[in-house]
Amino acid sequence: MALGSTIYKVELDISDLDRSYYASHSLTVARHPSETESRLMLRLLAFSLWGSPTLRFIDGLSRDGEPALMDVDDTGWTSRWIELGVPAVKLVRKAAGRSSKVIVLSYGESRISQWWQSGRADFEKVGRLGVYWISDDELAALAGLCGRHMRLAVTVQDKIAYVADALGHNIEIDVKTLKTPRAD
């Protein structure tokens, strides 16, 4: 018998001072059986950092070639493709051809440096690509806030995310930049 996804209910309040985006979202998020709670929380962080009324979680783990999150505009065009981890250059190029902007939020410090150095020249050629990462300690602290029912408040300022839960736990996540997308 195959394992099913675990469902998480999230009340997420976003105050992004960098982008002047302020919103409350009631989310139902499915965690694939092979996904860790850390990665689930990273998806929520990505939603907070690049949130919009049209941003959606995608079945990225269960379908090849799909992102973790996708922002699709009214015409059906993908305005933002958000991938987690250390994707292959081929996937990033494909994403850039299918969207206005590609964002990679990397985690796993032991893998990031080698991945970035081996693909940096190719990644630099993708103008619409932004690459960011968070430390293992910050990801572990974020995962510590995970629960089946969460109420989170995220404030973003100067690419630092301040995350608070309903129990009074507060963490700070410094989102580091490897590459910013070029302006069109």
Protein backbone atom coordinates (compact mmCIF):
# COMPACT_ATOMS: atom_id res chain seq x y z
CA MET A 1 0.00 0.00 0.00
CA ALA A 2 1.43 3.36 -1.02
CA LEU A 3 1.75 6.11 1.52
CA GLY A 4 -0.38 9.18 0.98
CA SER A 5 0.54 12.81 1.38
CA THR A 6 0.29 14.46 4.78
CA ILE A 7 -1.90 17.55 4.82
CA TYR A 8 -0.87 20.74 6.67
CA LYS A 9 -3.15 23.71 7.30
CA VAL A 10 -1.35 27.04 7.41
CA GLU A 11 -2.52 30.54 8.22
CA LEU A 12 0.27 32.70 6.78
CA ASP A 13 0.52 36.46 7.27
CA ILE A 14 3.12 38.09 5.02
CA SER A 15 4.52 41.58 5.46
CA ASP A 16 7.16 42.04 2.78
CA LEU A 17 8.61 45.50 3.21
CA ASP A 18 11.05 44.96 0.32
CA ARG A 19 8.24 44.50 -2.22
CA SER A 20 5.38 46.29 -0.40
CA TYR A 21 3.36 43.05 -0.40
CA TYR A 22 1.05 42.52 2.56
CA ALA A 23 -1.37 39.60 2.61
CA SER A 24 -2.91 36.82 4.64
CA HIS A 25 -3.16 33.39 3.08
CA SER A 26 -5.08 30.33 4.26
CA LEU A 27 -3.13 27.46 2.75
CA THR A 28 -3.58 23.72 2.56
CA VAL A 29 -0.20 22.19 1.80
CA ALA A 30 0.42 18.53 1.01
CA ARG A 31 3.73 16.99 2.06
CA HIS A 32 4.74 14.19 -0.29
CA PRO A 33 5.80 10.99 1.54
CA SER A 34 9.41 11.49 0.37
CA GLU A 35 9.50 15.17 1.42
CA THR A 36 10.93 16.20 4.77
CA GLU A 37 9.31 18.74 7.06
CA SER A 38 12.38 20.94 6.45
CA ARG A 39 11.65 21.07 2.73
CA LEU A 40 7.95 21.71 3.38
CA MET A 41 8.89 24.67 5.55
CA LEU A 42 11.30 25.87 2.86
CA ARG A 43 8.38 25.89 0.41
CA LEU A 44 6.44 28.05 2.88
CA LEU A 45 9.43 30.37 3.22
CA ALA A 46 9.66 30.67 -0.59
CA PHE A 47 5.94 31.44 -0.68
CA SER A 48 6.55 34.18 1.89
CA LEU A 49 9.54 35.66 0.06
CA TRP A 50 7.93 35.77 -3.39
CA GLY A 51 4.25 35.64 -2.49
CA SER A 52 1.49 36.98 -4.66
CA PRO A 53 -2.23 36.36 -5.02
CA THR A 54 -1.52 33.98 -7.92
CA LEU A 55 1.42 31.99 -6.50
CA ARG A 56 0.63 28.28 -6.15
CA PHE A 57 2.27 25.16 -4.77
CA ILE A 58 2.96 22.57 -7.49
CA ASP A 59 3.50 18.81 -7.35
CA GLY A 60 7.23 19.31 -7.93
CA LEU A 61 8.34 16.17 -6.10
CA SER A 62 5.90 13.85 -7.78
CA ARG A 63 6.21 15.19 -11.33
CA ASP A 64 9.49 15.62 -13.20
CA GLY A 65 10.09 19.03 -14.69
CA GLU A 66 7.70 20.82 -12.36
CA PRO A 67 8.77 23.55 -9.91
CA ALA A 68 8.01 23.69 -6.19
CA LEU A 69 5.95 26.87 -6.71
CA MET A 70 4.65 28.64 -9.78
CA ASP A 71 3.10 32.05 -10.35
CA VAL A 72 0.83 32.07 -13.40
CA ASP A 73 -0.67 35.31 -14.68
CA ASP A 74 -4.16 35.84 -16.12
CA THR A 75 -3.03 34.87 -19.63
CA GLY A 76 -1.66 31.50 -18.47
CA TRP A 77 1.97 32.58 -18.75
CA THR A 78 4.28 31.58 -15.91
CA SER A 79 5.57 34.83 -14.47
CA ARG A 80 7.63 33.13 -11.75
CA TRP A 81 9.05 29.59 -11.54
CA ILE A 82 10.43 28.79 -8.08
CA GLU A 83 12.65 25.76 -7.59
CA LEU A 84 14.18 24.47 -4.35
CA GLY A 85 17.52 22.77 -3.83
CA VAL A 86 20.29 22.49 -6.40
CA PRO A 87 18.61 21.94 -9.78
CA ALA A 88 20.51 20.93 -12.90
CA VAL A 89 21.47 23.61 -15.40
CA LYS A 90 19.25 21.90 -17.98
CA LEU A 91 16.17 22.31 -15.75
CA VAL A 92 17.00 25.98 -15.07
CA ARG A 93 17.33 26.69 -18.81
CA LYS A 94 14.03 24.92 -19.48
CA ALA A 95 12.36 26.95 -16.73
CA ALA A 96 13.78 30.19 -18.16
CA GLY A 97 12.27 29.35 -21.53
CA ARG A 98 8.86 28.79 -19.96
CA SER A 99 8.69 31.74 -17.54
CA SER A 100 9.52 35.41 -17.05
CA LYS A 101 11.62 34.82 -13.95
CA VAL A 102 13.27 31.76 -12.40
CA ILE A 103 14.11 31.65 -8.72
CA VAL A 104 16.18 28.98 -7.02
CA LEU A 105 16.16 28.79 -3.23
CA SER A 106 18.98 26.43 -2.30
CA TYR A 107 19.57 24.53 0.90
CA GLY A 108 22.07 21.92 2.05
CA GLU A 109 25.30 23.82 2.60
CA SER A 110 27.46 20.78 1.81
CA ARG A 111 26.06 20.70 -1.75
CA ILE A 112 25.59 24.38 -2.60
CA SER A 113 29.22 25.42 -3.07
CA GLN A 114 30.12 22.58 -5.44
CA TRP A 115 26.83 22.93 -7.36
CA TRP A 116 27.28 26.69 -7.77
CA GLN A 117 30.94 26.51 -8.79
CA SER A 118 30.36 23.72 -11.33
CA GLY A 119 27.41 25.47 -12.98
CA ARG A 120 28.12 29.12 -12.34
CA ALA A 121 29.18 30.03 -15.88
CA ASP A 122 26.01 28.46 -17.28
CA PHE A 123 23.80 30.00 -14.61
CA GLU A 124 25.26 33.47 -15.26
CA LYS A 125 24.04 33.21 -18.87
CA VAL A 126 20.42 32.91 -17.71
CA GLY A 127 19.51 36.56 -17.26
CA ARG A 128 16.12 35.97 -15.67
CA LEU A 129 17.57 33.70 -12.96
CA GLY A 130 17.87 34.59 -9.28
CA VAL A 131 19.71 32.19 -6.96
CA TYR A 132 19.45 32.39 -3.16
CA TRP A 133 20.27 30.12 -0.25
CA ILE A 134 19.77 29.66 3.47
CA SER A 135 22.04 27.98 6.00
CA ASP A 136 21.47 24.55 7.49
CA ASP A 137 21.02 26.06 10.97
CA GLU A 138 18.35 28.46 9.73
CA LEU A 139 16.55 25.63 7.93
CA ALA A 140 16.64 23.50 11.08
CA ALA A 141 15.19 26.39 13.11
CA LEU A 142 12.47 26.88 10.49
CA ALA A 143 11.64 23.16 10.55
CA GLY A 144 11.28 23.45 14.32
CA LEU A 145 8.17 25.58 13.72
CA CYS A 146 6.46 22.88 11.65
CA GLY A 147 3.15 21.44 12.78
CA ARG A 148 0.04 20.04 11.12
CA HIS A 149 -1.80 23.29 11.94
CA MET A 150 0.36 26.41 11.79
CA ARG A 151 -0.18 30.11 12.19
CA LEU A 152 2.90 31.94 10.94
CA ALA A 153 3.71 35.62 10.54
CA VAL A 154 6.58 36.42 8.20
CA THR A 155 8.09 39.87 7.89
CA VAL A 156 10.66 40.39 5.12
CA GLN A 157 13.04 43.32 5.13
CA ASP A 158 16.40 43.60 3.35
CA LYS A 159 16.16 39.89 2.35
CA ILE A 160 15.92 38.87 6.00
CA ALA A 161 12.82 36.91 6.93
CA TYR A 162 11.56 37.19 10.48
CA VAL A 163 9.29 34.24 11.17
CA ALA A 164 7.04 33.99 14.23
CA ASP A 165 4.57 31.28 15.14
CA ALA A 166 1.47 31.42 17.35
CA LEU A 167 3.40 29.91 20.28
CA GLY A 168 5.77 32.88 20.49
CA HIS A 169 8.77 31.29 18.76
CA ASN A 170 10.73 33.74 16.60
CA ILE A 171 13.52 33.03 14.15
CA GLU A 172 15.53 35.13 11.74
CA ILE A 173 16.54 33.83 8.31
CA ASP A 174 19.17 35.69 6.31
CA VAL A 175 18.47 34.85 2.67
CA LYS A 176 21.84 35.05 0.95
CA THR A 177 22.19 35.92 -2.74
CA LEU A 178 24.36 34.09 -5.26
CA LYS A 179 22.81 35.72 -8.34
CA THR A 180 20.13 38.34 -8.90
CA PRO A 181 18.04 38.38 -12.07
CA ARG A 182 18.89 41.07 -14.58
CA ALA A 183 16.22 43.72 -15.10
CA ASP A 184 14.37 43.35 -18.38
